[in-house]
Amino acid sequence: MNQIEFILKRNQWLEDVSNQCHEYALKCDLDFYVFQTPVDLYNPDLLIIGINPGGGKPYSELLIQKGYSKRSATDLVYDVNTLTTKPQWEIEGKLKGNDVMRSSFSRVFTKENSLEKVLQNTVMMNMFYFNTPKEKDLSAIPQEMQDYCLRKTIEFIEILNPKNILFLTSDESKLKHSGIKEIKYLENNVKQGLLLNRTATVIPHYSYFGAYSKEKGALMGMTLRKLFK
């Protein structure tokens, strides 16, 4: 696939997800979102996958607040790489936003281990798109909706064709639910498994502060550097 083909497939994928998740959201009144970065380039260095977006605002409230009739395809993607850059809307709103994520990642993806450059060419998405206050609340989302998100995420991985895949969770049941098999612990809070025919690396969620001290973050980064292509 070349860059032009990727953009066409990406656009169609976003439209499909926007349309179907809108229908689901009208029934369950859960907001939905997919990406925390731009999704502009084919075959990026890394795809980071979280389990699902946090937050508890009802979909109906979001539609009223933003004057939407639906969350559109273009509103499923950020125009700023929030992994490395604090976006203007967080600054203007004096919001913490993704400060915790950026702070944790800064201890792992460093200039010294050359992963800082990788993070600049990274796409981040969620495996399941519907917002819940906590990850454990995902179980309350109807199975049909979970299955749809999982299927579309696998589909998007094939469209994007990232060089490396990194999951963020310490919960192996969630990983297995996501389709990852043969999970094994390596070192420094890093695991690996198989997602279909691809290797998937796993590290704790960035909110697990015990795993992201300066020392442990540096060790985690050294291990990831050895694993990434």
C-alpha atoms as a PDB file:
ATOM      1  CA  MET A   1       0.000   0.000   0.000  1.00  0.00           C
ATOM      2  CA  ASN A   2       1.250   3.521  -0.736  1.00  0.00           C
ATOM      3  CA  GLN A   3       0.469   6.807   1.036  1.00  0.00           C
ATOM      4  CA  ILE A   4      -2.417   7.731  -1.280  1.00  0.00           C
ATOM      5  CA  GLU A   5      -4.097   4.345  -0.835  1.00  0.00           C
ATOM      6  CA  PHE A   6      -3.626   4.619   2.919  1.00  0.00           C
ATOM      7  CA  ILE A   7      -5.380   8.010   3.101  1.00  0.00           C
ATOM      8  CA  LEU A   8      -8.343   6.667   1.119  1.00  0.00           C
ATOM      9  CA  LYS A   9      -8.684   3.617   3.351  1.00  0.00           C
ATOM     10  CA  ARG A  10      -8.163   5.687   6.510  1.00  0.00           C
ATOM     11  CA  ASN A  11     -10.921   8.095   5.487  1.00  0.00           C
ATOM     12  CA  GLN A  12     -13.356   5.289   4.762  1.00  0.00           C
ATOM     13  CA  TRP A  13     -12.493   3.582   8.049  1.00  0.00           C
ATOM     14  CA  LEU A  14     -13.128   6.806   9.982  1.00  0.00           C
ATOM     15  CA  GLU A  15     -16.479   7.293   8.249  1.00  0.00           C
ATOM     16  CA  ASP A  16     -17.530   3.738   9.024  1.00  0.00           C
ATOM     17  CA  VAL A  17     -16.598   4.093  12.705  1.00  0.00           C
ATOM     18  CA  SER A  18     -18.239   7.515  13.015  1.00  0.00           C
ATOM     19  CA  ASN A  19     -21.503   6.249  11.531  1.00  0.00           C
ATOM     20  CA  GLN A  20     -21.732   2.977  13.465  1.00  0.00           C
ATOM     21  CA  CYS A  21     -20.554   4.328  16.815  1.00  0.00           C
ATOM     22  CA  HIS A  22     -23.042   7.193  16.482  1.00  0.00           C
ATOM     23  CA  GLU A  23     -25.843   4.624  16.204  1.00  0.00           C
ATOM     24  CA  TYR A  24     -24.560   2.747  19.239  1.00  0.00           C
ATOM     25  CA  ALA A  25     -24.044   5.959  21.213  1.00  0.00           C
ATOM     26  CA  LEU A  26     -27.631   7.077  20.629  1.00  0.00           C
ATOM     27  CA  LYS A  27     -28.793   3.877  22.315  1.00  0.00           C
ATOM     28  CA  CYS A  28     -26.409   3.733  25.282  1.00  0.00           C
ATOM     29  CA  ASP A  29     -25.601   7.471  25.614  1.00  0.00           C
ATOM     30  CA  LEU A  30     -21.844   6.872  25.863  1.00  0.00           C
ATOM     31  CA  ASP A  31     -19.497   9.236  24.072  1.00  0.00           C
ATOM     32  CA  PHE A  32     -16.830   7.703  21.826  1.00  0.00           C
ATOM     33  CA  TYR A  33     -13.379   8.601  20.561  1.00  0.00           C
ATOM     34  CA  VAL A  34     -10.539   6.776  18.818  1.00  0.00           C
ATOM     35  CA  PHE A  35      -7.202   8.599  18.385  1.00  0.00           C
ATOM     36  CA  GLN A  36      -5.009  10.850  20.540  1.00  0.00           C
ATOM     37  CA  THR A  37      -2.674  11.813  17.704  1.00  0.00           C
ATOM     38  CA  PRO A  38      -2.871  12.704  14.020  1.00  0.00           C
ATOM     39  CA  VAL A  39      -3.183   9.708  11.685  1.00  0.00           C
ATOM     40  CA  ASP A  40      -1.543  11.039   8.556  1.00  0.00           C
ATOM     41  CA  LEU A  41       1.302   8.698   7.629  1.00  0.00           C
ATOM     42  CA  TYR A  42       1.353   5.085   6.526  1.00  0.00           C
ATOM     43  CA  ASN A  43       3.684   2.636   8.311  1.00  0.00           C
ATOM     44  CA  PRO A  44       4.640   4.784  11.335  1.00  0.00           C
ATOM     45  CA  ASP A  45       7.363   3.720  13.747  1.00  0.00           C
ATOM     46  CA  LEU A  46       4.870   2.841  16.481  1.00  0.00           C
ATOM     47  CA  LEU A  47       1.184   2.320  17.184  1.00  0.00           C
ATOM     48  CA  ILE A  48       0.262   2.695  20.867  1.00  0.00           C
ATOM     49  CA  ILE A  49      -3.060   1.130  21.861  1.00  0.00           C
ATOM     50  CA  GLY A  50      -4.879   2.011  25.047  1.00  0.00           C
ATOM     51  CA  ILE A  51      -7.875   0.000  26.187  1.00  0.00           C
ATOM     52  CA  ASN A  52     -10.566   2.702  26.049  1.00  0.00           C
ATOM     53  CA  PRO A  53     -10.933   6.440  26.615  1.00  0.00           C
ATOM     54  CA  GLY A  54     -11.692   7.740  30.079  1.00  0.00           C
ATOM     55  CA  GLY A  55     -14.417  10.196  30.965  1.00  0.00           C
ATOM     56  CA  GLY A  56     -18.074   9.925  31.813  1.00  0.00           C
ATOM     57  CA  LYS A  57     -19.812  12.664  29.806  1.00  0.00           C
ATOM     58  CA  PRO A  58     -22.974  11.342  28.106  1.00  0.00           C
ATOM     59  CA  TYR A  59     -23.055  11.460  24.299  1.00  0.00           C
ATOM     60  CA  SER A  60     -26.279  13.493  24.384  1.00  0.00           C
ATOM     61  CA  GLU A  61     -24.548  16.151  26.502  1.00  0.00           C
ATOM     62  CA  LEU A  62     -21.591  16.330  24.124  1.00  0.00           C
ATOM     63  CA  LEU A  63     -23.898  16.828  21.130  1.00  0.00           C
ATOM     64  CA  ILE A  64     -25.655  19.713  22.866  1.00  0.00           C
ATOM     65  CA  GLN A  65     -22.420  21.269  24.135  1.00  0.00           C
ATOM     66  CA  LYS A  66     -20.711  21.236  20.733  1.00  0.00           C
ATOM     67  CA  GLY A  67     -23.790  21.776  18.601  1.00  0.00           C
ATOM     68  CA  TYR A  68     -23.240  18.481  16.797  1.00  0.00           C
ATOM     69  CA  SER A  69     -25.781  16.213  15.179  1.00  0.00           C
ATOM     70  CA  LYS A  70     -23.147  13.463  15.479  1.00  0.00           C
ATOM     71  CA  ARG A  71     -19.442  13.035  16.220  1.00  0.00           C
ATOM     72  CA  SER A  72     -17.962  13.202  12.737  1.00  0.00           C
ATOM     73  CA  ALA A  73     -15.128  11.211  11.187  1.00  0.00           C
ATOM     74  CA  THR A  74     -12.786  14.195  11.411  1.00  0.00           C
ATOM     75  CA  ASP A  75     -13.643  14.559  15.114  1.00  0.00           C
ATOM     76  CA  LEU A  76     -12.177  11.140  15.946  1.00  0.00           C
ATOM     77  CA  VAL A  77      -8.581  12.316  15.366  1.00  0.00           C
ATOM     78  CA  TYR A  78      -6.409  14.955  17.055  1.00  0.00           C
ATOM     79  CA  ASP A  79      -4.490  17.439  14.929  1.00  0.00           C
ATOM     80  CA  VAL A  80      -1.662  17.535  17.526  1.00  0.00           C
ATOM     81  CA  ASN A  81       0.543  14.699  18.763  1.00  0.00           C
ATOM     82  CA  THR A  82      -0.547  14.890  22.398  1.00  0.00           C
ATOM     83  CA  LEU A  83       2.095  12.294  23.335  1.00  0.00           C
ATOM     84  CA  THR A  84       4.802  14.916  22.956  1.00  0.00           C
ATOM     85  CA  THR A  85       3.033  18.287  22.786  1.00  0.00           C
ATOM     86  CA  LYS A  86       0.582  20.010  25.121  1.00  0.00           C
ATOM     87  CA  PRO A  87      -2.176  21.201  22.769  1.00  0.00           C
ATOM     88  CA  GLN A  88      -3.342  24.777  22.707  1.00  0.00           C
ATOM     89  CA  TRP A  89      -6.826  23.942  24.010  1.00  0.00           C
ATOM     90  CA  GLU A  90      -5.311  22.485  27.189  1.00  0.00           C
ATOM     91  CA  ILE A  91      -3.168  25.582  27.639  1.00  0.00           C
ATOM     92  CA  GLU A  92      -6.028  28.022  27.022  1.00  0.00           C
ATOM     93  CA  GLY A  93      -8.390  26.067  29.271  1.00  0.00           C
ATOM     94  CA  LYS A  94      -5.723  25.699  31.968  1.00  0.00           C
ATOM     95  CA  LEU A  95      -6.352  21.948  31.838  1.00  0.00           C
ATOM     96  CA  LYS A  96      -4.039  19.175  32.987  1.00  0.00           C
ATOM     97  CA  GLY A  97      -5.231  17.115  30.021  1.00  0.00           C
ATOM     98  CA  ASN A  98      -2.635  14.511  29.136  1.00  0.00           C
ATOM     99  CA  ASP A  99       0.109  15.911  31.395  1.00  0.00           C
ATOM    100  CA  VAL A 100       0.404  12.599  33.294  1.00  0.00           C
ATOM    101  CA  MET A 101       0.859  10.655  30.078  1.00  0.00           C
ATOM    102  CA  ARG A 102       3.475  13.045  28.723  1.00  0.00           C
ATOM    103  CA  SER A 103       5.350  13.075  32.018  1.00  0.00           C
ATOM    104  CA  SER A 104       5.402   9.265  32.258  1.00  0.00           C
ATOM    105  CA  PHE A 105       6.392   8.782  28.623  1.00  0.00           C
ATOM    106  CA  SER A 106       9.204  11.340  28.950  1.00  0.00           C
ATOM    107  CA  ARG A 107      10.969   8.910  31.307  1.00  0.00           C
ATOM    108  CA  VAL A 108      10.694   6.028  28.811  1.00  0.00           C
ATOM    109  CA  PHE A 109      10.941   7.640  25.370  1.00  0.00           C
ATOM    110  CA  THR A 110      14.116   9.659  25.789  1.00  0.00           C
ATOM    111  CA  LYS A 111      16.706  11.279  23.569  1.00  0.00           C
ATOM    112  CA  GLU A 112      19.368   9.067  25.190  1.00  0.00           C
ATOM    113  CA  ASN A 113      17.716   5.807  24.073  1.00  0.00           C
ATOM    114  CA  SER A 114      16.583   7.278  20.712  1.00  0.00           C
ATOM    115  CA  LEU A 115      12.913   6.575  21.493  1.00  0.00           C
ATOM    116  CA  GLU A 116      12.037  10.261  21.683  1.00  0.00           C
ATOM    117  CA  LYS A 117      12.207  10.340  17.886  1.00  0.00           C
ATOM    118  CA  VAL A 118      10.022   7.217  17.690  1.00  0.00           C
ATOM    119  CA  LEU A 119       7.335   8.887  19.815  1.00  0.00           C
ATOM    120  CA  GLN A 120       7.232  11.766  17.346  1.00  0.00           C
ATOM    121  CA  ASN A 121       6.261   9.271  14.627  1.00  0.00           C
ATOM    122  CA  THR A 122       3.666   7.415  16.682  1.00  0.00           C
ATOM    123  CA  VAL A 123      -0.078   6.928  16.318  1.00  0.00           C
ATOM    124  CA  MET A 124      -2.091   6.338  19.490  1.00  0.00           C
ATOM    125  CA  MET A 125      -5.585   4.855  19.495  1.00  0.00           C
ATOM    126  CA  ASN A 126      -7.962   2.965  21.771  1.00  0.00           C
ATOM    127  CA  MET A 127      -8.925  -0.680  21.340  1.00  0.00           C
ATOM    128  CA  PHE A 128     -12.485   0.099  22.478  1.00  0.00           C
ATOM    129  CA  TYR A 129     -13.833   3.521  21.579  1.00  0.00           C
ATOM    130  CA  PHE A 130     -16.558   4.246  24.148  1.00  0.00           C
ATOM    131  CA  ASN A 131     -15.780   6.407  27.167  1.00  0.00           C
ATOM    132  CA  THR A 132     -16.055   5.017  30.682  1.00  0.00           C
ATOM    133  CA  PRO A 133     -14.896   6.624  33.963  1.00  0.00           C
ATOM    134  CA  LYS A 134     -12.536   3.703  34.631  1.00  0.00           C
ATOM    135  CA  GLU A 135     -11.159   0.836  32.554  1.00  0.00           C
ATOM    136  CA  LYS A 136     -12.999  -1.702  34.738  1.00  0.00           C
ATOM    137  CA  ASP A 137     -16.311  -0.150  33.634  1.00  0.00           C
ATOM    138  CA  LEU A 138     -15.677  -1.455  30.119  1.00  0.00           C
ATOM    139  CA  SER A 139     -17.467  -4.682  31.099  1.00  0.00           C
ATOM    140  CA  ALA A 140     -20.744  -2.751  31.219  1.00  0.00           C
ATOM    141  CA  ILE A 141     -20.524  -1.907  27.506  1.00  0.00           C
ATOM    142  CA  PRO A 142     -22.705  -4.287  25.450  1.00  0.00           C
ATOM    143  CA  GLN A 143     -20.750  -7.143  23.884  1.00  0.00           C
ATOM    144  CA  GLU A 144     -21.894  -6.194  20.383  1.00  0.00           C
ATOM    145  CA  MET A 145     -20.233  -2.797  20.759  1.00  0.00           C
ATOM    146  CA  GLN A 146     -17.042  -4.285  22.178  1.00  0.00           C
ATOM    147  CA  ASP A 147     -16.863  -6.800  19.329  1.00  0.00           C
ATOM    148  CA  TYR A 148     -17.355  -4.070  16.744  1.00  0.00           C
ATOM    149  CA  CYS A 149     -14.533  -1.938  18.192  1.00  0.00           C
ATOM    150  CA  LEU A 150     -12.193  -4.894  18.404  1.00  0.00           C
ATOM    151  CA  ARG A 151     -12.898  -5.878  14.805  1.00  0.00           C
ATOM    152  CA  LYS A 152     -12.373  -2.336  13.529  1.00  0.00           C
ATOM    153  CA  THR A 153      -9.167  -1.918  15.541  1.00  0.00           C
ATOM    154  CA  ILE A 154      -7.690  -5.081  14.028  1.00  0.00           C
ATOM    155  CA  GLU A 155      -8.784  -3.831  10.636  1.00  0.00           C
ATOM    156  CA  PHE A 156      -7.072  -0.494  11.211  1.00  0.00           C
ATOM    157  CA  ILE A 157      -3.828  -2.135  12.291  1.00  0.00           C
ATOM    158  CA  GLU A 158      -3.722  -3.827   8.892  1.00  0.00           C
ATOM    159  CA  ILE A 159      -4.464  -0.516   7.141  1.00  0.00           C
ATOM    160  CA  LEU A 160      -1.833   1.437   9.107  1.00  0.00           C
ATOM    161  CA  ASN A 161       0.804  -1.342   9.105  1.00  0.00           C
ATOM    162  CA  PRO A 162       2.879   0.096  11.973  1.00  0.00           C
ATOM    163  CA  LYS A 163       6.454  -1.081  12.456  1.00  0.00           C
ATOM    164  CA  ASN A 164       5.749  -1.782  16.152  1.00  0.00           C
ATOM    165  CA  ILE A 165       2.660  -2.163  18.359  1.00  0.00           C
ATOM    166  CA  LEU A 166       2.577  -1.226  22.044  1.00  0.00           C
ATOM    167  CA  PHE A 167      -0.353  -1.897  24.407  1.00  0.00           C
ATOM    168  CA  LEU A 168      -0.839   0.018  27.662  1.00  0.00           C
ATOM    169  CA  THR A 169      -2.284  -2.142  30.437  1.00  0.00           C
ATOM    170  CA  SER A 170      -1.242  -4.457  33.252  1.00  0.00           C
ATOM    171  CA  ASP A 171      -4.445  -6.487  33.037  1.00  0.00           C
ATOM    172  CA  GLU A 172      -3.788  -9.701  31.120  1.00  0.00           C
ATOM    173  CA  SER A 173      -7.506 -10.457  30.939  1.00  0.00           C
ATOM    174  CA  LYS A 174      -7.961  -7.231  28.950  1.00  0.00           C
ATOM    175  CA  LEU A 175      -5.097  -8.224  26.662  1.00  0.00           C
ATOM    176  CA  LYS A 176      -6.630 -11.637  26.034  1.00  0.00           C
ATOM    177  CA  HIS A 177      -9.975  -9.963  25.476  1.00  0.00           C
ATOM    178  CA  SER A 178      -8.206  -7.841  22.866  1.00  0.00           C
ATOM    179  CA  GLY A 179      -7.041 -10.961  21.039  1.00  0.00           C
ATOM    180  CA  ILE A 180      -3.443 -11.137  22.276  1.00  0.00           C
ATOM    181  CA  LYS A 181      -2.134 -14.660  22.827  1.00  0.00           C
ATOM    182  CA  GLU A 182       1.052 -16.269  24.181  1.00  0.00           C
ATOM    183  CA  ILE A 183       1.735 -13.397  26.576  1.00  0.00           C
ATOM    184  CA  LYS A 184       5.100 -13.650  28.303  1.00  0.00           C
ATOM    185  CA  TYR A 185       6.975 -11.419  30.714  1.00  0.00           C
ATOM    186  CA  LEU A 186      10.362 -10.208  29.491  1.00  0.00           C
ATOM    187  CA  GLU A 187      11.941  -7.677  31.868  1.00  0.00           C
ATOM    188  CA  ASN A 188      11.497  -4.200  33.326  1.00  0.00           C
ATOM    189  CA  ASN A 189       7.669  -4.316  33.272  1.00  0.00           C
ATOM    190  CA  VAL A 190       7.654  -5.274  29.589  1.00  0.00           C
ATOM    191  CA  LYS A 191       5.661  -8.180  28.161  1.00  0.00           C
ATOM    192  CA  GLN A 192       5.130  -9.498  24.655  1.00  0.00           C
ATOM    193  CA  GLY A 193       2.455 -11.528  22.927  1.00  0.00           C
ATOM    194  CA  LEU A 194       0.978 -12.223  19.520  1.00  0.00           C
ATOM    195  CA  LEU A 195      -1.883 -10.323  17.912  1.00  0.00           C
ATOM    196  CA  LEU A 196      -2.754 -12.407  14.878  1.00  0.00           C
ATOM    197  CA  ASN A 197       0.526 -12.497  12.942  1.00  0.00           C
ATOM    198  CA  ARG A 198       2.087  -9.473  14.647  1.00  0.00           C
ATOM    199  CA  THR A 199       4.207  -9.109  17.765  1.00  0.00           C
ATOM    200  CA  ALA A 200       2.560  -6.902  20.376  1.00  0.00           C
ATOM    201  CA  THR A 201       4.614  -5.379  23.182  1.00  0.00           C
ATOM    202  CA  VAL A 202       2.905  -4.482  26.461  1.00  0.00           C
ATOM    203  CA  ILE A 203       3.813  -2.026  29.231  1.00  0.00           C
ATOM    204  CA  PRO A 204       1.772  -0.730  32.190  1.00  0.00           C
ATOM    205  CA  HIS A 205      -0.634   2.146  31.714  1.00  0.00           C
ATOM    206  CA  TYR A 206       1.051   5.503  32.233  1.00  0.00           C
ATOM    207  CA  SER A 207      -1.116   6.173  35.311  1.00  0.00           C
ATOM    208  CA  TYR A 208       0.632   3.305  37.151  1.00  0.00           C
ATOM    209  CA  PHE A 209       3.136   5.613  38.801  1.00  0.00           C
ATOM    210  CA  GLY A 210       5.156   2.812  40.429  1.00  0.00           C
ATOM    211  CA  ALA A 211       6.263   1.628  36.979  1.00  0.00           C
ATOM    212  CA  TYR A 212       7.248   5.103  35.766  1.00  0.00           C
ATOM    213  CA  SER A 213       9.787   6.337  38.274  1.00  0.00           C
ATOM    214  CA  LYS A 214      12.881   7.882  36.705  1.00  0.00           C
ATOM    215  CA  GLU A 215      14.881   4.679  37.229  1.00  0.00           C
ATOM    216  CA  LYS A 216      12.173   2.197  36.181  1.00  0.00           C
ATOM    217  CA  GLY A 217      11.153   4.339  33.231  1.00  0.00           C
ATOM    218  CA  ALA A 218      14.731   4.381  31.960  1.00  0.00           C
ATOM    219  CA  LEU A 219      15.002   0.580  32.287  1.00  0.00           C
ATOM    220  CA  MET A 220      11.675   0.122  30.502  1.00  0.00           C
ATOM    221  CA  GLY A 221      12.928   2.354  27.712  1.00  0.00           C
ATOM    222  CA  MET A 222      16.129   0.315  27.355  1.00  0.00           C
ATOM    223  CA  THR A 223      14.083  -2.849  26.932  1.00  0.00           C
ATOM    224  CA  LEU A 224      11.745  -1.265  24.373  1.00  0.00           C
ATOM    225  CA  ARG A 225      14.734   0.026  22.417  1.00  0.00           C
ATOM    226  CA  LYS A 226      16.019  -3.544  22.067  1.00  0.00           C
ATOM    227  CA  LEU A 227      12.605  -4.798  20.911  1.00  0.00           C
ATOM    228  CA  PHE A 228      11.504  -2.134  18.456  1.00  0.00           C
ATOM    229  CA  LYS A 229      12.393  -2.503  14.811  1.00  0.00           C
END
